[in-house]
Amino acid sequence: ILVTCREEWSAEEIIAAYHGQSHV
């Protein structure tokens, strides 16, 4: 379950941000 406060993001953007976290 991915929880975010970014209501303007699409589901694809939220998932991409989650997967990009490992790079950071």
PDB file of all heavy atoms in Angstrom:
ATOM      1  N   ILE A   1       0.867  -1.171   0.000  1.00  0.00           N
ATOM      2  CA  ILE A   1       0.000   0.000   0.000  1.00  0.00           C
ATOM      3  C   ILE A   1       0.903   1.219   0.000  1.00  0.00           C
ATOM      4  O   ILE A   1       1.746   1.385   0.878  1.00  0.00           O
ATOM      5  CB  ILE A   1      -0.919   0.010   1.239  1.00  0.00           C
ATOM      6  CG1 ILE A   1      -1.839  -1.199   1.216  1.00  0.00           C
ATOM      7  CG2 ILE A   1      -1.710   1.296   1.292  1.00  0.00           C
ATOM      8  CD1 ILE A   1      -2.668  -1.352   2.474  1.00  0.00           C
ATOM      9  N   LEU A   2       0.761   2.060  -1.007  1.00  0.00           N
ATOM     10  CA  LEU A   2       1.553   3.278  -1.111  1.00  0.00           C
ATOM     11  C   LEU A   2       0.684   4.447  -0.675  1.00  0.00           C
ATOM     12  O   LEU A   2      -0.403   4.655  -1.201  1.00  0.00           O
ATOM     13  CB  LEU A   2       2.038   3.489  -2.545  1.00  0.00           C
ATOM     14  CG  LEU A   2       2.909   2.372  -3.125  1.00  0.00           C
ATOM     15  CD1 LEU A   2       3.285   2.693  -4.561  1.00  0.00           C
ATOM     16  CD2 LEU A   2       4.145   2.150  -2.291  1.00  0.00           C
ATOM     17  N   VAL A   3       1.176   5.202   0.288  1.00  0.00           N
ATOM     18  CA  VAL A   3       0.443   6.343   0.816  1.00  0.00           C
ATOM     19  C   VAL A   3       1.218   7.597   0.466  1.00  0.00           C
ATOM     20  O   VAL A   3       2.434   7.655   0.645  1.00  0.00           O
ATOM     21  CB  VAL A   3       0.287   6.220   2.356  1.00  0.00           C
ATOM     22  CG1 VAL A   3      -0.458   7.414   2.901  1.00  0.00           C
ATOM     23  CG2 VAL A   3      -0.406   4.922   2.715  1.00  0.00           C
ATOM     24  N   THR A   4       0.531   8.606  -0.055  1.00  0.00           N
ATOM     25  CA  THR A   4       1.188   9.853  -0.419  1.00  0.00           C
ATOM     26  C   THR A   4       0.255  11.029  -0.156  1.00  0.00           C
ATOM     27  O   THR A   4      -0.956  10.868  -0.087  1.00  0.00           O
ATOM     28  CB  THR A   4       1.609   9.842  -1.905  1.00  0.00           C
ATOM     29  OG1 THR A   4       2.272  11.059  -2.189  1.00  0.00           O
ATOM     30  CG2 THR A   4       0.420   9.677  -2.823  1.00  0.00           C
ATOM     31  N   CYS A   5       0.863  12.190  -0.018  1.00  0.00           N
ATOM     32  CA  CYS A   5       0.083  13.416   0.129  1.00  0.00           C
ATOM     33  C   CYS A   5       0.012  14.164  -1.203  1.00  0.00           C
ATOM     34  O   CYS A   5      -0.558  15.240  -1.285  1.00  0.00           O
ATOM     35  CB  CYS A   5       0.670  14.297   1.221  1.00  0.00           C
ATOM     36  SG  CYS A   5       2.346  14.825   0.864  1.00  0.00           S
ATOM     37  N   ARG A   6       0.576  13.596  -2.251  1.00  0.00           N
ATOM     38  CA  ARG A   6       0.586  14.212  -3.580  1.00  0.00           C
ATOM     39  C   ARG A   6      -0.699  13.833  -4.321  1.00  0.00           C
ATOM     40  O   ARG A   6      -0.713  12.919  -5.142  1.00  0.00           O
ATOM     41  CB  ARG A   6       1.794  13.739  -4.381  1.00  0.00           C
ATOM     42  CG  ARG A   6       3.114  13.946  -3.713  1.00  0.00           C
ATOM     43  CD  ARG A   6       3.494  15.393  -3.828  1.00  0.00           C
ATOM     44  NE  ARG A   6       4.827  15.576  -3.286  1.00  0.00           N
ATOM     45  CZ  ARG A   6       5.554  16.616  -3.534  1.00  0.00           C
ATOM     46  NH1 ARG A   6       5.098  17.577  -4.287  1.00  0.00           N
ATOM     47  NH2 ARG A   6       6.738  16.725  -3.008  1.00  0.00           N
ATOM     48  N   GLU A   7      -1.755  14.547  -4.040  1.00  0.00           N
ATOM     49  CA  GLU A   7      -3.053  14.222  -4.638  1.00  0.00           C
ATOM     50  C   GLU A   7      -3.085  14.519  -6.136  1.00  0.00           C
ATOM     51  O   GLU A   7      -3.894  13.929  -6.865  1.00  0.00           O
ATOM     52  CB  GLU A   7      -4.155  14.998  -3.928  1.00  0.00           C
ATOM     53  CG  GLU A   7      -4.316  14.596  -2.485  1.00  0.00           C
ATOM     54  CD  GLU A   7      -5.345  15.444  -1.745  1.00  0.00           C
ATOM     55  OE1 GLU A   7      -6.058  16.221  -2.410  1.00  0.00           O
ATOM     56  OE2 GLU A   7      -5.423  15.317  -0.524  1.00  0.00           O
ATOM     57  N   GLU A   8      -2.213  15.425  -6.613  1.00  0.00           N
ATOM     58  CA  GLU A   8      -2.219  15.774  -8.024  1.00  0.00           C
ATOM     59  C   GLU A   8      -1.494  14.749  -8.892  1.00  0.00           C
ATOM     60  O   GLU A   8      -1.589  14.785 -10.113  1.00  0.00           O
ATOM     61  CB  GLU A   8      -1.607  17.169  -8.232  1.00  0.00           C
ATOM     62  CG  GLU A   8      -0.115  17.265  -7.949  1.00  0.00           C
ATOM     63  CD  GLU A   8       0.231  17.471  -6.479  1.00  0.00           C
ATOM     64  OE1 GLU A   8      -0.669  17.451  -5.621  1.00  0.00           O
ATOM     65  OE2 GLU A   8       1.430  17.647  -6.190  1.00  0.00           O
ATOM     66  N   TRP A   9      -0.747  13.799  -8.292  1.00  0.00           N
ATOM     67  CA  TRP A   9      -0.010  12.797  -9.047  1.00  0.00           C
ATOM     68  C   TRP A   9      -0.935  11.689  -9.516  1.00  0.00           C
ATOM     69  O   TRP A   9      -1.863  11.297  -8.820  1.00  0.00           O
ATOM     70  CB  TRP A   9       1.092  12.192  -8.197  1.00  0.00           C
ATOM     71  CG  TRP A   9       2.279  13.079  -7.985  1.00  0.00           C
ATOM     72  CD1 TRP A   9       2.405  14.392  -8.319  1.00  0.00           C
ATOM     73  CD2 TRP A   9       3.500  12.700  -7.366  1.00  0.00           C
ATOM     74  NE1 TRP A   9       3.629  14.858  -7.954  1.00  0.00           N
ATOM     75  CE2 TRP A   9       4.334  13.835  -7.360  1.00  0.00           C
ATOM     76  CE3 TRP A   9       3.976  11.535  -6.821  1.00  0.00           C
ATOM     77  CZ2 TRP A   9       5.611  13.820  -6.831  1.00  0.00           C
ATOM     78  CZ3 TRP A   9       5.244  11.517  -6.293  1.00  0.00           C
ATOM     79  CH2 TRP A   9       6.062  12.648  -6.302  1.00  0.00           C
ATOM     80  N   SER A  10      -0.627  11.131 -10.680  1.00  0.00           N
ATOM     81  CA  SER A  10      -1.373   9.962 -11.156  1.00  0.00           C
ATOM     82  C   SER A  10      -0.797   8.718 -10.470  1.00  0.00           C
ATOM     83  O   SER A  10       0.268   8.760  -9.843  1.00  0.00           O
ATOM     84  CB  SER A  10      -1.233   9.835 -12.671  1.00  0.00           C
ATOM     85  OG  SER A  10       0.105   9.510 -13.013  1.00  0.00           O
ATOM     86  N   ALA A  11      -1.500   7.606 -10.625  1.00  0.00           N
ATOM     87  CA  ALA A  11      -1.028   6.349 -10.033  1.00  0.00           C
ATOM     88  C   ALA A  11       0.327   5.950 -10.606  1.00  0.00           C
ATOM     89  O   ALA A  11       1.200   5.462  -9.882  1.00  0.00           O
ATOM     90  CB  ALA A  11      -2.058   5.241 -10.269  1.00  0.00           C
ATOM     91  N   GLU A  12       0.524   6.179 -11.903  1.00  0.00           N
ATOM     92  CA  GLU A  12       1.805   5.831 -12.539  1.00  0.00           C
ATOM     93  C   GLU A  12       2.952   6.654 -11.956  1.00  0.00           C
ATOM     94  O   GLU A  12       4.047   6.149 -11.749  1.00  0.00           O
ATOM     95  CB  GLU A  12       1.729   6.039 -14.059  1.00  0.00           C
ATOM     96  CG  GLU A  12       0.813   5.069 -14.774  1.00  0.00           C
ATOM     97  CD  GLU A  12      -0.654   5.484 -14.723  1.00  0.00           C
ATOM     98  OE1 GLU A  12      -0.937   6.651 -14.361  1.00  0.00           O
ATOM     99  OE2 GLU A  12      -1.513   4.643 -15.020  1.00  0.00           O
ATOM    100  N   GLU A  13       2.702   7.935 -11.708  1.00  0.00           N
ATOM    101  CA  GLU A  13       3.744   8.792 -11.133  1.00  0.00           C
ATOM    102  C   GLU A  13       4.087   8.368  -9.706  1.00  0.00           C
ATOM    103  O   GLU A  13       5.258   8.398  -9.306  1.00  0.00           O
ATOM    104  CB  GLU A  13       3.287  10.251 -11.148  1.00  0.00           C
ATOM    105  CG  GLU A  13       3.211  10.862 -12.531  1.00  0.00           C
ATOM    106  CD  GLU A  13       2.590  12.244 -12.537  1.00  0.00           C
ATOM    107  OE1 GLU A  13       1.651  12.502 -11.755  1.00  0.00           O
ATOM    108  OE2 GLU A  13       3.072  13.079 -13.319  1.00  0.00           O
ATOM    109  N   ILE A  14       3.097   7.974  -8.945  1.00  0.00           N
ATOM    110  CA  ILE A  14       3.341   7.521  -7.568  1.00  0.00           C
ATOM    111  C   ILE A  14       4.176   6.247  -7.583  1.00  0.00           C
ATOM    112  O   ILE A  14       5.150   6.113  -6.826  1.00  0.00           O
ATOM    113  CB  ILE A  14       2.011   7.304  -6.825  1.00  0.00           C
ATOM    114  CG1 ILE A  14       1.298   8.654  -6.633  1.00  0.00           C
ATOM    115  CG2 ILE A  14       2.232   6.615  -5.489  1.00  0.00           C
ATOM    116  CD1 ILE A  14      -0.116   8.535  -6.132  1.00  0.00           C
ATOM    117  N   ILE A  15       3.840   5.312  -8.441  1.00  0.00           N
ATOM    118  CA  ILE A  15       4.587   4.046  -8.522  1.00  0.00           C
ATOM    119  C   ILE A  15       6.010   4.303  -9.013  1.00  0.00           C
ATOM    120  O   ILE A  15       6.973   3.731  -8.486  1.00  0.00           O
ATOM    121  CB  ILE A  15       3.846   3.045  -9.419  1.00  0.00           C
ATOM    122  CG1 ILE A  15       2.535   2.633  -8.736  1.00  0.00           C
ATOM    123  CG2 ILE A  15       4.707   1.832  -9.717  1.00  0.00           C
ATOM    124  CD1 ILE A  15       1.592   1.851  -9.614  1.00  0.00           C
ATOM    125  N   ALA A  16       6.177   5.198  -9.988  1.00  0.00           N
ATOM    126  CA  ALA A  16       7.521   5.527 -10.489  1.00  0.00           C
ATOM    127  C   ALA A  16       8.365   6.172  -9.391  1.00  0.00           C
ATOM    128  O   ALA A  16       9.558   5.876  -9.257  1.00  0.00           O
ATOM    129  CB  ALA A  16       7.422   6.444 -11.704  1.00  0.00           C
ATOM    130  N   ALA A  17       7.758   7.047  -8.598  1.00  0.00           N
ATOM    131  CA  ALA A  17       8.485   7.686  -7.499  1.00  0.00           C
ATOM    132  C   ALA A  17       8.887   6.649  -6.453  1.00  0.00           C
ATOM    133  O   ALA A  17       9.995   6.699  -5.908  1.00  0.00           O
ATOM    134  CB  ALA A  17       7.631   8.775  -6.860  1.00  0.00           C
ATOM    135  N   TYR A  18       8.002   5.699  -6.195  1.00  0.00           N
ATOM    136  CA  TYR A  18       8.313   4.640  -5.224  1.00  0.00           C
ATOM    137  C   TYR A  18       9.489   3.795  -5.711  1.00  0.00           C
ATOM    138  O   TYR A  18      10.412   3.505  -4.960  1.00  0.00           O
ATOM    139  CB  TYR A  18       7.080   3.759  -5.003  1.00  0.00           C
ATOM    140  CG  TYR A  18       7.381   2.536  -4.183  1.00  0.00           C
ATOM    141  CD1 TYR A  18       7.594   2.638  -2.811  1.00  0.00           C
ATOM    142  CD2 TYR A  18       7.479   1.288  -4.775  1.00  0.00           C
ATOM    143  CE1 TYR A  18       7.890   1.522  -2.054  1.00  0.00           C
ATOM    144  CE2 TYR A  18       7.771   0.171  -4.026  1.00  0.00           C
ATOM    145  CZ  TYR A  18       7.977   0.290  -2.673  1.00  0.00           C
ATOM    146  OH  TYR A  18       8.271  -0.814  -1.928  1.00  0.00           O
ATOM    147  N   HIS A  19       9.477   3.416  -6.990  1.00  0.00           N
ATOM    148  CA  HIS A  19      10.574   2.606  -7.530  1.00  0.00           C
ATOM    149  C   HIS A  19      11.864   3.418  -7.638  1.00  0.00           C
ATOM    150  O   HIS A  19      12.953   2.859  -7.517  1.00  0.00           O
ATOM    151  CB  HIS A  19      10.197   2.024  -8.883  1.00  0.00           C
ATOM    152  CG  HIS A  19       9.164   0.949  -8.799  1.00  0.00           C
ATOM    153  ND1 HIS A  19       9.361  -0.230  -8.116  1.00  0.00           N
ATOM    154  CD2 HIS A  19       7.908   0.883  -9.294  1.00  0.00           C
ATOM    155  CE1 HIS A  19       8.288  -0.976  -8.194  1.00  0.00           C
ATOM    156  NE2 HIS A  19       7.373  -0.323  -8.909  1.00  0.00           N
ATOM    157  N   GLY A  20      11.772   4.729  -7.850  1.00  0.00           N
ATOM    158  CA  GLY A  20      12.951   5.573  -7.928  1.00  0.00           C
ATOM    159  C   GLY A  20      13.620   5.799  -6.586  1.00  0.00           C
ATOM    160  O   GLY A  20      14.777   6.209  -6.522  1.00  0.00           O
ATOM    161  N   GLN A  21      12.914   5.518  -5.518  1.00  0.00           N
ATOM    162  CA  GLN A  21      13.460   5.704  -4.177  1.00  0.00           C
ATOM    163  C   GLN A  21      14.702   4.843  -3.967  1.00  0.00           C
ATOM    164  O   GLN A  21      15.656   5.267  -3.312  1.00  0.00           O
ATOM    165  CB  GLN A  21      12.387   5.346  -3.152  1.00  0.00           C
ATOM    166  CG  GLN A  21      12.835   5.429  -1.726  1.00  0.00           C
ATOM    167  CD  GLN A  21      11.716   5.023  -0.768  1.00  0.00           C
ATOM    168  OE1 GLN A  21      10.584   4.774  -1.168  1.00  0.00           O
ATOM    169  NE2 GLN A  21      12.038   4.950   0.493  1.00  0.00           N
ATOM    170  N   SER A  22      14.733   3.659  -4.537  1.00  0.00           N
ATOM    171  CA  SER A  22      15.888   2.774  -4.353  1.00  0.00           C
ATOM    172  C   SER A  22      17.149   3.378  -4.969  1.00  0.00           C
ATOM    173  O   SER A  22      18.252   3.174  -4.462  1.00  0.00           O
ATOM    174  CB  SER A  22      15.618   1.401  -4.945  1.00  0.00           C
ATOM    175  OG  SER A  22      15.472   1.490  -6.351  1.00  0.00           O
ATOM    176  N   HIS A  23      16.994   4.137  -6.066  1.00  0.00           N
ATOM    177  CA  HIS A  23      18.158   4.778  -6.683  1.00  0.00           C
ATOM    178  C   HIS A  23      18.747   5.841  -5.758  1.00  0.00           C
ATOM    179  O   HIS A  23      19.962   5.951  -5.617  1.00  0.00           O
ATOM    180  CB  HIS A  23      17.782   5.403  -8.019  1.00  0.00           C
ATOM    181  CG  HIS A  23      17.250   4.415  -9.018  1.00  0.00           C
ATOM    182  ND1 HIS A  23      17.986   3.369  -9.504  1.00  0.00           N
ATOM    183  CD2 HIS A  23      16.033   4.318  -9.603  1.00  0.00           C
ATOM    184  CE1 HIS A  23      17.271   2.675 -10.345  1.00  0.00           C
ATOM    185  NE2 HIS A  23      16.070   3.220 -10.430  1.00  0.00           N
ATOM    186  N   VAL A  24      17.886   6.617  -5.131  1.00  0.00           N
ATOM    187  CA  VAL A  24      18.344   7.651  -4.200  1.00  0.00           C
ATOM    188  C   VAL A  24      19.029   7.003  -2.996  1.00  0.00           C
ATOM    189  O   VAL A  24      20.087   7.454  -2.541  1.00  0.00           O
ATOM    190  CB  VAL A  24      17.157   8.538  -3.757  1.00  0.00           C
ATOM    191  CG1 VAL A  24      17.594   9.519  -2.684  1.00  0.00           C
ATOM    192  CG2 VAL A  24      16.568   9.273  -4.945  1.00  0.00           C
TER     193      VAL A  24
END
